[in-house]
Structures are given as C-alpha cells and as structure tokens.
Amino acid sequence: MGFFGVLAKEATITFEDLEPRPQRGASVAALGREDLDLYSVEELGERIEALDAEIARARGAIAGKTAKKSAADALFNFGN
C-alpha cells in the first residue's frame, strides 16, 4: 500500500466525528437541573465526593495555568 493508500485509510470519518460537541459547561449546568430528591443519602454522599474530586482537579488546572503564566511573565519581563 502506497503513501496515498495509507493516508486515505487514516482519513476515514466516523459518525461520532460528525456529531456536534457539547458546549463548555453543559454538563455542569445539567448537574444543577438534576432532581436530587431521586437520590438516596448514600448516593448524594457519593455525588459530593465526585464533585469534590472535580473541584480539586479544576483547582489543580488553575494552579498549573497560573504557574505557567508566572513563568512566561518572568521570562518576557525579566528586564523590567
């Protein structure tokens, strides 16, 4: 199989590629609309644990981005 055969094989499109991506924050908004009365106390506790883990992940991303910005600022403003 030549170069173009390999290229054509890698360029196949699936139906998942054609589906629109969910908007940013859509899953968080959906969580806020969910009826919590349907959950047991244990399930609500598990939900809180999962949300706490997601908050920690978001805080980690913020810390990483802040560190990168500080490093870039230090690099490009070292003479000031």
C-alpha atoms as a PDB file:
ATOM      1  CA  MET A   1       0.000   0.000   0.000  1.00  0.00           C
ATOM      2  CA  GLY A   2       1.481   3.311  -1.056  1.00  0.00           C
ATOM      3  CA  PHE A   3       1.559   6.617   0.739  1.00  0.00           C
ATOM      4  CA  PHE A   4      -1.832   7.760  -0.541  1.00  0.00           C
ATOM      5  CA  GLY A   5      -3.418   4.446   0.402  1.00  0.00           C
ATOM      6  CA  VAL A   6      -2.218   4.850   3.981  1.00  0.00           C
ATOM      7  CA  LEU A   7      -3.329   8.483   4.007  1.00  0.00           C
ATOM      8  CA  ALA A   8      -6.796   7.569   2.717  1.00  0.00           C
ATOM      9  CA  LYS A   9      -7.104   4.809   5.290  1.00  0.00           C
ATOM     10  CA  GLU A  10      -6.227   7.226   8.137  1.00  0.00           C
ATOM     11  CA  ALA A  11      -8.600   9.914   6.848  1.00  0.00           C
ATOM     12  CA  THR A  12     -11.803   7.918   7.352  1.00  0.00           C
ATOM     13  CA  ILE A  13     -14.593   9.784   9.127  1.00  0.00           C
ATOM     14  CA  THR A  14     -16.914   8.162  11.624  1.00  0.00           C
ATOM     15  CA  PHE A  15     -20.394   9.281  12.625  1.00  0.00           C
ATOM     16  CA  GLU A  16     -19.000  10.402  16.005  1.00  0.00           C
ATOM     17  CA  ASP A  17     -16.847  12.922  14.128  1.00  0.00           C
ATOM     18  CA  LEU A  18     -19.972  14.473  12.615  1.00  0.00           C
ATOM     19  CA  GLU A  19     -21.873  14.891  15.877  1.00  0.00           C
ATOM     20  CA  PRO A  20     -21.716  18.346  17.444  1.00  0.00           C
ATOM     21  CA  ARG A  21     -19.573  18.602  20.542  1.00  0.00           C
ATOM     22  CA  PRO A  22     -21.306  19.560  23.762  1.00  0.00           C
ATOM     23  CA  GLN A  23     -20.855  23.178  24.755  1.00  0.00           C
ATOM     24  CA  ARG A  24     -18.450  24.041  27.545  1.00  0.00           C
ATOM     25  CA  GLY A  25     -20.111  23.894  30.916  1.00  0.00           C
ATOM     26  CA  ALA A  26     -23.134  21.987  29.608  1.00  0.00           C
ATOM     27  CA  SER A  27     -22.519  19.065  31.950  1.00  0.00           C
ATOM     28  CA  VAL A  28     -22.206  21.382  34.962  1.00  0.00           C
ATOM     29  CA  ALA A  29     -25.447  23.111  34.006  1.00  0.00           C
ATOM     30  CA  ALA A  30     -27.141  19.715  33.666  1.00  0.00           C
ATOM     31  CA  LEU A  31     -25.994  18.793  37.176  1.00  0.00           C
ATOM     32  CA  GLY A  32     -27.688  21.904  38.533  1.00  0.00           C
ATOM     33  CA  ARG A  33     -31.001  20.932  36.940  1.00  0.00           C
ATOM     34  CA  GLU A  34     -30.981  17.360  38.222  1.00  0.00           C
ATOM     35  CA  ASP A  35     -33.678  16.377  40.741  1.00  0.00           C
ATOM     36  CA  LEU A  36     -31.804  15.463  43.919  1.00  0.00           C
ATOM     37  CA  ASP A  37     -34.930  14.009  45.529  1.00  0.00           C
ATOM     38  CA  LEU A  38     -34.371  10.886  43.412  1.00  0.00           C
ATOM     39  CA  TYR A  39     -31.047  10.137  45.162  1.00  0.00           C
ATOM     40  CA  SER A  40     -30.541   8.271  48.406  1.00  0.00           C
ATOM     41  CA  VAL A  41     -28.414   9.730  51.197  1.00  0.00           C
ATOM     42  CA  GLU A  42     -25.566   7.388  50.210  1.00  0.00           C
ATOM     43  CA  GLU A  43     -25.840   8.383  46.543  1.00  0.00           C
ATOM     44  CA  LEU A  44     -25.787  12.058  47.492  1.00  0.00           C
ATOM     45  CA  GLY A  45     -22.637  11.434  49.525  1.00  0.00           C
ATOM     46  CA  GLU A  46     -21.025   9.724  46.521  1.00  0.00           C
ATOM     47  CA  ARG A  47     -22.080  12.632  44.330  1.00  0.00           C
ATOM     48  CA  ILE A  48     -20.475  15.096  46.742  1.00  0.00           C
ATOM     49  CA  GLU A  49     -17.253  13.054  46.726  1.00  0.00           C
ATOM     50  CA  ALA A  50     -17.214  13.038  42.923  1.00  0.00           C
ATOM     51  CA  LEU A  51     -17.870  16.784  42.794  1.00  0.00           C
ATOM     52  CA  ASP A  52     -15.140  17.424  45.389  1.00  0.00           C
ATOM     53  CA  ALA A  53     -12.724  15.434  43.214  1.00  0.00           C
ATOM     54  CA  GLU A  54     -13.722  17.511  40.177  1.00  0.00           C
ATOM     55  CA  ILE A  55     -13.245  20.731  42.155  1.00  0.00           C
ATOM     56  CA  ALA A  56      -9.771  19.557  43.176  1.00  0.00           C
ATOM     57  CA  ARG A  57      -8.984  18.767  39.532  1.00  0.00           C
ATOM     58  CA  ALA A  58     -10.151  22.229  38.453  1.00  0.00           C
ATOM     59  CA  ARG A  59      -8.074  23.867  41.211  1.00  0.00           C
ATOM     60  CA  GLY A  60      -5.063  21.869  40.045  1.00  0.00           C
ATOM     61  CA  ALA A  61      -5.607  23.100  36.492  1.00  0.00           C
ATOM     62  CA  ILE A  62      -5.838  26.675  37.754  1.00  0.00           C
ATOM     63  CA  ALA A  63      -2.610  26.267  39.725  1.00  0.00           C
ATOM     64  CA  GLY A  64      -0.857  24.826  36.687  1.00  0.00           C
ATOM     65  CA  LYS A  65      -2.036  27.619  34.404  1.00  0.00           C
ATOM     66  CA  THR A  66      -1.093  30.255  36.980  1.00  0.00           C
ATOM     67  CA  ALA A  67       2.388  28.772  37.298  1.00  0.00           C
ATOM     68  CA  LYS A  68       2.834  28.739  33.508  1.00  0.00           C
ATOM     69  CA  LYS A  69       1.667  32.341  33.247  1.00  0.00           C
ATOM     70  CA  SER A  70       4.017  33.412  36.037  1.00  0.00           C
ATOM     71  CA  ALA A  71       6.902  31.636  34.319  1.00  0.00           C
ATOM     72  CA  ALA A  72       6.071  33.290  30.994  1.00  0.00           C
ATOM     73  CA  ASP A  73       5.731  36.686  32.646  1.00  0.00           C
ATOM     74  CA  ALA A  74       9.094  36.226  34.347  1.00  0.00           C
ATOM     75  CA  LEU A  75      10.698  35.168  31.075  1.00  0.00           C
ATOM     76  CA  PHE A  76       9.387  38.042  28.980  1.00  0.00           C
ATOM     77  CA  ASN A  77       9.528  40.765  31.652  1.00  0.00           C
ATOM     78  CA  PHE A  78      12.885  39.969  33.160  1.00  0.00           C
ATOM     79  CA  GLY A  79      14.322  43.374  32.213  1.00  0.00           C
ATOM     80  CA  ASN A  80      11.551  45.429  33.835  1.00  0.00           C
END
